[in-house]
C-alpha atoms as a PDB file:
ATOM      1  CA  MET A   1     -83.391 -26.153 -46.964  1.00  0.00           C
ATOM      2  CA  VAL A   2     -84.893 -27.928 -49.565  1.00  0.00           C
ATOM      3  CA  GLY A   3     -88.262 -26.863 -48.326  1.00  0.00           C
ATOM      4  CA  THR A   4     -87.093 -23.293 -47.242  1.00  0.00           C
ATOM      5  CA  THR A   5     -86.503 -22.738 -50.763  1.00  0.00           C
ATOM      6  CA  LEU A   6     -89.586 -24.014 -52.557  1.00  0.00           C
ATOM      7  CA  ALA A   7     -91.477 -21.639 -49.819  1.00  0.00           C
ATOM      8  CA  ALA A   8     -89.830 -19.217 -51.662  1.00  0.00           C
ATOM      9  CA  VAL A   9     -90.503 -20.282 -54.564  1.00  0.00           C
ATOM     10  CA  ASP A  10     -93.670 -20.658 -54.480  1.00  0.00           C
ATOM     11  CA  GLY A  11     -94.036 -17.338 -52.287  1.00  0.00           C
ATOM     12  CA  VAL A  12     -92.998 -15.236 -55.511  1.00  0.00           C
ATOM     13  CA  MET A  13     -95.183 -17.138 -57.234  1.00  0.00           C
ATOM     14  CA  SER A  14     -98.365 -16.663 -55.488  1.00  0.00           C
ATOM     15  CA  GLY A  15     -97.582 -13.164 -55.338  1.00  0.00           C
ATOM     16  CA  THR A  16     -97.138 -13.298 -51.284  1.00  0.00           C
ATOM     17  CA  CYS A  17     -93.602 -11.427 -51.879  1.00  0.00           C
ATOM     18  CA  ARG A  18     -91.579 -10.218 -55.093  1.00  0.00           C
ATOM     19  CA  ARG A  19     -88.025 -11.003 -54.336  1.00  0.00           C
ATOM     20  CA  ALA A  20     -86.840 -13.699 -51.917  1.00  0.00           C
ATOM     21  CA  PHE A  21     -83.479 -14.790 -50.125  1.00  0.00           C
ATOM     22  CA  VAL A  22     -82.618 -18.114 -49.110  1.00  0.00           C
ATOM     23  CA  PRO A  23     -79.641 -17.863 -47.339  1.00  0.00           C
ATOM     24  CA  ILE A  24     -78.223 -21.231 -46.032  1.00  0.00           C
ATOM     25  CA  ALA A  25     -79.226 -22.299 -49.182  1.00  0.00           C
ATOM     26  CA  GLY A  26     -78.322 -22.900 -52.918  1.00  0.00           C
ATOM     27  CA  LEU A  27     -76.647 -26.401 -52.192  1.00  0.00           C
ATOM     28  CA  HIS A  28     -75.503 -26.875 -55.933  1.00  0.00           C
ATOM     29  CA  HIS A  29     -73.294 -30.179 -55.694  1.00  0.00           C
ATOM     30  CA  ALA A  30     -75.570 -33.190 -55.367  1.00  0.00           C
ATOM     31  CA  ARG A  31     -76.649 -34.942 -58.474  1.00  0.00           C
ATOM     32  CA  ARG A  32     -79.994 -37.011 -58.953  1.00  0.00           C
ATOM     33  CA  ASP A  33     -78.738 -40.412 -57.561  1.00  0.00           C
ATOM     34  CA  ARG A  34     -75.953 -38.624 -54.777  1.00  0.00           C
ATOM     35  CA  ALA A  35     -74.694 -36.296 -52.383  1.00  0.00           C
ATOM     36  CA  ALA A  36     -71.787 -34.425 -53.485  1.00  0.00           C
ATOM     37  CA  GLY A  37     -69.482 -31.423 -52.100  1.00  0.00           C
ATOM     38  CA  PHE A  38     -70.800 -31.456 -49.082  1.00  0.00           C
ATOM     39  CA  CYS A  39     -74.731 -31.194 -50.419  1.00  0.00           C
ATOM     40  CA  VAL A  40     -76.564 -34.521 -49.791  1.00  0.00           C
ATOM     41  CA  PHE A  41     -79.777 -32.851 -51.758  1.00  0.00           C
ATOM     42  CA  ASN A  42     -79.982 -30.058 -54.538  1.00  0.00           C
ATOM     43  CA  ASP A  43     -82.456 -27.447 -53.505  1.00  0.00           C
ATOM     44  CA  CYS A  44     -81.055 -25.559 -56.536  1.00  0.00           C
ATOM     45  CA  ALA A  45     -82.268 -28.250 -58.747  1.00  0.00           C
ATOM     46  CA  VAL A  46     -85.009 -28.985 -56.948  1.00  0.00           C
ATOM     47  CA  ALA A  47     -86.204 -25.636 -57.219  1.00  0.00           C
ATOM     48  CA  ILE A  48     -86.063 -26.142 -60.769  1.00  0.00           C
ATOM     49  CA  GLU A  49     -88.362 -29.107 -61.223  1.00  0.00           C
ATOM     50  CA  HIS A  50     -90.643 -28.061 -58.405  1.00  0.00           C
ATOM     51  CA  LEU A  51     -91.502 -24.981 -60.776  1.00  0.00           C
ATOM     52  CA  ARG A  52     -92.028 -26.983 -63.543  1.00  0.00           C
ATOM     53  CA  GLN A  53     -93.983 -29.573 -62.580  1.00  0.00           C
ATOM     54  CA  ARG A  54     -96.159 -27.359 -59.677  1.00  0.00           C
ATOM     55  CA  HIS A  55     -95.944 -24.222 -61.594  1.00  0.00           C
ATOM     56  CA  GLY A  56     -96.168 -25.276 -65.178  1.00  0.00           C
ATOM     57  CA  LEU A  57     -93.610 -23.150 -66.094  1.00  0.00           C
ATOM     58  CA  GLN A  58     -91.228 -23.666 -68.910  1.00  0.00           C
ATOM     59  CA  ARG A  59     -88.355 -21.172 -69.274  1.00  0.00           C
ATOM     60  CA  ILE A  60     -86.056 -20.986 -66.112  1.00  0.00           C
ATOM     61  CA  ALA A  61     -83.074 -18.815 -65.931  1.00  0.00           C
ATOM     62  CA  TYR A  62     -80.680 -20.210 -63.543  1.00  0.00           C
ATOM     63  CA  VAL A  63     -77.558 -18.037 -62.825  1.00  0.00           C
ATOM     64  CA  ASP A  64     -74.476 -19.244 -60.849  1.00  0.00           C
ATOM     65  CA  ILE A  65     -71.828 -16.584 -59.249  1.00  0.00           C
ATOM     66  CA  ASP A  66     -70.424 -18.956 -56.675  1.00  0.00           C
ATOM     67  CA  ALA A  67     -66.420 -19.402 -56.843  1.00  0.00           C
ATOM     68  CA  HIS A  68     -67.169 -23.267 -57.416  1.00  0.00           C
ATOM     69  CA  HIS A  69     -68.813 -25.115 -60.670  1.00  0.00           C
ATOM     70  CA  GLY A  70     -72.564 -25.772 -60.306  1.00  0.00           C
ATOM     71  CA  ASP A  71     -72.207 -29.013 -61.570  1.00  0.00           C
ATOM     72  CA  GLY A  72     -75.298 -30.654 -60.333  1.00  0.00           C
ATOM     73  CA  VAL A  73     -77.495 -28.494 -61.585  1.00  0.00           C
ATOM     74  CA  TYR A  74     -75.467 -28.423 -65.405  1.00  0.00           C
ATOM     75  CA  TYR A  75     -74.975 -31.926 -65.373  1.00  0.00           C
ATOM     76  CA  GLY A  76     -79.327 -32.637 -63.959  1.00  0.00           C
ATOM     77  CA  PHE A  77     -79.807 -30.182 -66.904  1.00  0.00           C
ATOM     78  CA  GLU A  78     -77.537 -30.525 -69.642  1.00  0.00           C
ATOM     79  CA  SER A  79     -79.774 -31.687 -72.028  1.00  0.00           C
ATOM     80  CA  ASP A  80     -83.034 -29.675 -70.774  1.00  0.00           C
ATOM     81  CA  PRO A  81     -83.125 -26.655 -73.788  1.00  0.00           C
ATOM     82  CA  GLY A  82     -85.717 -24.866 -71.186  1.00  0.00           C
ATOM     83  CA  LEU A  83     -83.388 -24.035 -68.537  1.00  0.00           C
ATOM     84  CA  ALA A  84     -80.833 -21.313 -69.611  1.00  0.00           C
ATOM     85  CA  LEU A  85     -77.280 -21.389 -67.002  1.00  0.00           C
ATOM     86  CA  VAL A  86     -74.916 -18.940 -66.248  1.00  0.00           C
ATOM     87  CA  ASP A  87     -72.136 -20.263 -64.311  1.00  0.00           C
ATOM     88  CA  PHE A  88     -69.293 -17.921 -63.221  1.00  0.00           C
ATOM     89  CA  HIS A  89     -66.826 -19.649 -61.153  1.00  0.00           C
ATOM     90  CA  GLU A  90     -63.271 -20.661 -60.406  1.00  0.00           C
ATOM     91  CA  ASP A  91     -61.624 -22.618 -63.130  1.00  0.00           C
ATOM     92  CA  GLY A  92     -61.718 -25.730 -62.410  1.00  0.00           C
ATOM     93  CA  ARG A  93     -58.526 -26.957 -62.868  1.00  0.00           C
ATOM     94  CA  THR A  94     -57.340 -24.905 -59.832  1.00  0.00           C
ATOM     95  CA  LEU A  95     -60.603 -25.886 -58.166  1.00  0.00           C
ATOM     96  CA  TYR A  96     -63.687 -28.577 -56.804  1.00  0.00           C
ATOM     97  CA  PRO A  97     -65.191 -30.414 -58.667  1.00  0.00           C
ATOM     98  CA  GLY A  98     -63.346 -29.479 -61.899  1.00  0.00           C
ATOM     99  CA  SER A  99     -65.733 -28.625 -64.062  1.00  0.00           C
ATOM    100  CA  GLY A 100     -67.534 -25.642 -66.131  1.00  0.00           C
ATOM    101  CA  ASP A 101     -65.382 -25.666 -69.065  1.00  0.00           C
ATOM    102  CA  VAL A 102     -66.271 -23.348 -71.709  1.00  0.00           C
ATOM    103  CA  SER A 103     -67.110 -25.883 -74.042  1.00  0.00           C
ATOM    104  CA  GLU A 104     -69.674 -27.062 -71.994  1.00  0.00           C
ATOM    105  CA  THR A 105     -72.866 -25.415 -73.697  1.00  0.00           C
ATOM    106  CA  GLY A 106     -75.553 -28.047 -73.451  1.00  0.00           C
ATOM    107  CA  ARG A 107     -76.260 -31.197 -74.689  1.00  0.00           C
ATOM    108  CA  GLY A 108     -78.119 -32.555 -77.761  1.00  0.00           C
ATOM    109  CA  PRO A 109     -81.624 -30.240 -77.879  1.00  0.00           C
ATOM    110  CA  ALA A 110     -79.705 -28.027 -75.121  1.00  0.00           C
ATOM    111  CA  ALA A 111     -76.868 -27.059 -76.901  1.00  0.00           C
ATOM    112  CA  GLY A 112     -76.071 -23.220 -77.072  1.00  0.00           C
ATOM    113  CA  THR A 113     -78.556 -23.224 -73.516  1.00  0.00           C
ATOM    114  CA  LYS A 114     -75.888 -23.474 -70.775  1.00  0.00           C
ATOM    115  CA  LEU A 115     -72.623 -20.295 -70.682  1.00  0.00           C
ATOM    116  CA  ASN A 116     -69.822 -21.725 -68.247  1.00  0.00           C
ATOM    117  CA  ILE A 117     -67.494 -18.505 -67.407  1.00  0.00           C
ATOM    118  CA  PRO A 118     -64.435 -19.902 -66.104  1.00  0.00           C
ATOM    119  CA  LEU A 119     -62.180 -17.652 -64.475  1.00  0.00           C
ATOM    120  CA  PRO A 120     -58.481 -18.111 -63.641  1.00  0.00           C
ATOM    121  CA  PRO A 121     -57.249 -17.877 -59.734  1.00  0.00           C
ATOM    122  CA  GLY A 122     -56.956 -14.333 -58.849  1.00  0.00           C
ATOM    123  CA  ALA A 123     -59.534 -13.077 -61.175  1.00  0.00           C
ATOM    124  CA  GLY A 124     -61.231  -9.578 -58.980  1.00  0.00           C
ATOM    125  CA  ASP A 125     -64.590  -7.122 -60.045  1.00  0.00           C
ATOM    126  CA  GLU A 126     -62.706  -5.865 -63.243  1.00  0.00           C
ATOM    127  CA  ASP A 127     -62.393  -9.265 -64.995  1.00  0.00           C
ATOM    128  CA  PHE A 128     -66.089 -10.865 -63.795  1.00  0.00           C
ATOM    129  CA  LEU A 129     -67.780  -7.302 -64.769  1.00  0.00           C
ATOM    130  CA  LYS A 130     -66.082  -7.506 -68.108  1.00  0.00           C
ATOM    131  CA  LEU A 131     -68.189 -10.376 -69.007  1.00  0.00           C
ATOM    132  CA  TRP A 132     -71.142 -10.011 -67.092  1.00  0.00           C
ATOM    133  CA  GLU A 133     -72.295  -8.398 -69.812  1.00  0.00           C
ATOM    134  CA  SER A 134     -72.327 -10.672 -72.283  1.00  0.00           C
ATOM    135  CA  ALA A 135     -73.836 -13.094 -69.801  1.00  0.00           C
ATOM    136  CA  GLU A 136     -76.888 -10.600 -69.110  1.00  0.00           C
ATOM    137  CA  ARG A 137     -77.978 -10.673 -73.033  1.00  0.00           C
ATOM    138  CA  PHE A 138     -78.147 -13.975 -72.798  1.00  0.00           C
ATOM    139  CA  ILE A 139     -79.528 -14.478 -70.293  1.00  0.00           C
ATOM    140  CA  ARG A 140     -82.390 -12.117 -72.035  1.00  0.00           C
ATOM    141  CA  ARG A 141     -82.191 -14.161 -74.868  1.00  0.00           C
ATOM    142  CA  SER A 142     -83.564 -16.895 -73.217  1.00  0.00           C
ATOM    143  CA  ARG A 143     -86.893 -14.958 -72.166  1.00  0.00           C
ATOM    144  CA  PRO A 144     -87.634 -16.207 -68.858  1.00  0.00           C
ATOM    145  CA  GLN A 145     -90.515 -16.747 -66.662  1.00  0.00           C
ATOM    146  CA  PHE A 146     -88.461 -17.134 -63.387  1.00  0.00           C
ATOM    147  CA  ILE A 147     -84.948 -16.309 -62.540  1.00  0.00           C
ATOM    148  CA  LEU A 148     -83.166 -18.063 -60.047  1.00  0.00           C
ATOM    149  CA  LEU A 149     -79.901 -16.923 -58.374  1.00  0.00           C
ATOM    150  CA  GLN A 150     -76.947 -18.596 -56.298  1.00  0.00           C
ATOM    151  CA  CYS A 151     -74.874 -15.992 -54.946  1.00  0.00           C
ATOM    152  CA  GLY A 152     -72.061 -17.904 -53.311  1.00  0.00           C
ATOM    153  CA  ALA A 153     -69.512 -15.621 -51.152  1.00  0.00           C
ATOM    154  CA  ASP A 154     -66.935 -17.703 -51.647  1.00  0.00           C
ATOM    155  CA  GLY A 155     -65.422 -15.584 -54.389  1.00  0.00           C
ATOM    156  CA  LEU A 156     -64.612 -12.780 -52.100  1.00  0.00           C
ATOM    157  CA  ALA A 157     -60.244 -12.038 -51.966  1.00  0.00           C
ATOM    158  CA  GLY A 158     -59.843 -14.021 -48.574  1.00  0.00           C
ATOM    159  CA  ASP A 159     -61.715 -17.022 -48.672  1.00  0.00           C
ATOM    160  CA  PRO A 160     -60.080 -20.298 -47.179  1.00  0.00           C
ATOM    161  CA  ILE A 161     -60.136 -22.700 -49.766  1.00  0.00           C
ATOM    162  CA  THR A 162     -60.781 -20.162 -52.950  1.00  0.00           C
ATOM    163  CA  HIS A 163     -58.438 -18.426 -54.984  1.00  0.00           C
ATOM    164  CA  LEU A 164     -60.539 -15.121 -56.826  1.00  0.00           C
ATOM    165  CA  GLN A 165     -60.556 -11.906 -55.429  1.00  0.00           C
ATOM    166  CA  TYR A 166     -63.800 -10.563 -55.862  1.00  0.00           C
ATOM    167  CA  THR A 167     -65.495  -7.423 -53.345  1.00  0.00           C
ATOM    168  CA  ALA A 168     -69.167  -7.177 -52.449  1.00  0.00           C
ATOM    169  CA  ALA A 169     -69.435  -5.424 -55.649  1.00  0.00           C
ATOM    170  CA  VAL A 170     -70.088  -8.340 -57.530  1.00  0.00           C
ATOM    171  CA  HIS A 171     -72.789  -9.070 -55.736  1.00  0.00           C
ATOM    172  CA  GLN A 172     -74.309  -6.405 -55.595  1.00  0.00           C
ATOM    173  CA  HIS A 173     -74.433  -5.330 -59.586  1.00  0.00           C
ATOM    174  CA  VAL A 174     -75.322  -9.113 -60.458  1.00  0.00           C
ATOM    175  CA  ALA A 175     -78.533  -8.790 -57.722  1.00  0.00           C
ATOM    176  CA  ARG A 176     -79.636  -5.335 -59.340  1.00  0.00           C
ATOM    177  CA  ARG A 177     -79.386  -6.330 -63.040  1.00  0.00           C
ATOM    178  CA  LEU A 178     -80.978  -9.713 -62.013  1.00  0.00           C
ATOM    179  CA  CYS A 179     -83.588  -7.680 -60.636  1.00  0.00           C
ATOM    180  CA  ASP A 180     -83.962  -5.291 -63.599  1.00  0.00           C
ATOM    181  CA  LEU A 181     -83.864  -8.691 -66.014  1.00  0.00           C
ATOM    182  CA  ALA A 182     -86.514 -10.290 -63.630  1.00  0.00           C
ATOM    183  CA  ASP A 183     -88.678  -7.364 -64.281  1.00  0.00           C
ATOM    184  CA  GLU A 184     -88.755  -6.947 -67.346  1.00  0.00           C
ATOM    185  CA  CYS A 185     -89.047 -11.196 -68.524  1.00  0.00           C
ATOM    186  CA  CYS A 186     -90.678 -12.557 -65.546  1.00  0.00           C
ATOM    187  CA  ALA A 187     -92.554 -10.302 -63.261  1.00  0.00           C
ATOM    188  CA  GLY A 188     -89.657  -9.488 -60.926  1.00  0.00           C
ATOM    189  CA  ARG A 189     -89.656 -12.944 -60.047  1.00  0.00           C
ATOM    190  CA  LEU A 190     -86.319 -14.231 -58.500  1.00  0.00           C
ATOM    191  CA  VAL A 191     -85.090 -16.000 -55.775  1.00  0.00           C
ATOM    192  CA  ALA A 192     -81.429 -16.008 -54.599  1.00  0.00           C
ATOM    193  CA  LEU A 193     -80.061 -18.503 -52.956  1.00  0.00           C
ATOM    194  CA  GLY A 194     -76.261 -18.097 -50.509  1.00  0.00           C
ATOM    195  CA  GLY A 195     -74.726 -20.814 -51.622  1.00  0.00           C
ATOM    196  CA  GLY A 196     -70.914 -21.323 -50.418  1.00  0.00           C
ATOM    197  CA  GLY A 197     -68.734 -19.350 -48.334  1.00  0.00           C
ATOM    198  CA  TYR A 198     -65.914 -19.984 -45.633  1.00  0.00           C
ATOM    199  CA  ASP A 199     -65.127 -16.457 -43.838  1.00  0.00           C
ATOM    200  CA  LEU A 200     -67.822 -15.113 -41.873  1.00  0.00           C
ATOM    201  CA  GLY A 201     -66.659 -11.340 -42.730  1.00  0.00           C
ATOM    202  CA  ASN A 202     -67.164 -12.409 -46.586  1.00  0.00           C
ATOM    203  CA  ILE A 203     -70.395 -14.013 -46.217  1.00  0.00           C
ATOM    204  CA  ALA A 204     -72.446 -11.114 -44.334  1.00  0.00           C
ATOM    205  CA  ARG A 205     -70.599  -8.489 -46.958  1.00  0.00           C
ATOM    206  CA  ALA A 206     -71.981 -10.439 -50.545  1.00  0.00           C
ATOM    207  CA  TRP A 207     -75.329 -11.725 -48.633  1.00  0.00           C
ATOM    208  CA  CYS A 208     -75.915  -8.044 -46.928  1.00  0.00           C
ATOM    209  CA  ALA A 209     -74.818  -6.422 -50.870  1.00  0.00           C
ATOM    210  CA  VAL A 210     -77.791  -8.831 -52.117  1.00  0.00           C
ATOM    211  CA  VAL A 211     -80.731  -8.572 -49.601  1.00  0.00           C
ATOM    212  CA  ALA A 212     -80.055  -4.566 -50.182  1.00  0.00           C
ATOM    213  CA  ALA A 213     -80.632  -4.803 -54.164  1.00  0.00           C
ATOM    214  CA  LEU A 214     -83.334  -7.229 -53.740  1.00  0.00           C
ATOM    215  CA  ILE A 215     -85.057  -4.591 -51.301  1.00  0.00           C
ATOM    216  CA  GLU A 216     -83.812  -1.469 -52.901  1.00  0.00           C
ATOM    217  CA  ALA A 217     -84.891  -2.400 -56.676  1.00  0.00           C
ATOM    218  CA  HIS A 218     -87.914  -0.683 -58.346  1.00  0.00           C
END
């Protein structure tokens, strides 16, 4: 999936496509030096490095709505001021990997460039959407040149290993709003990565909502 993610990024950067979705991708737990949490490689983090080294971009926004905290991305770029990170996830006190506290906002020169938003078990669409607007303002202020969305489906109600209660409306809303932000800030450049999900019906609902939003965006 790393190669497919990089092909999607290159396609968007070259203008071959305006946006892209890679369903079997978004493996956000692997660290620079080891595998973790079902993830041998971290295609999200590799894509960020690729955008820097191959395409010369300096400001990238990474948005993660998987139920699990994207610890491999957060800690891999914790001190990097050029990566604006917004991560909605179930509270680490109740779910792997146990990180992503609201106090984790970046280190050193990157202090304040990371926004971790832990939600309690049972949180649903209303809880998420109350917080989304401030997250969107955070992304806009970073003036990204490219947006990556990790849209894991494991936050939907009924997932067997998590405890959030979203519907696919969350994924649709986030994808639509990020399309608008990408048009506003970075010539429409947006790649969405599937992430986790352990109920097939939920995966279909969440990812179809994302794809529909990408297609329908102006």
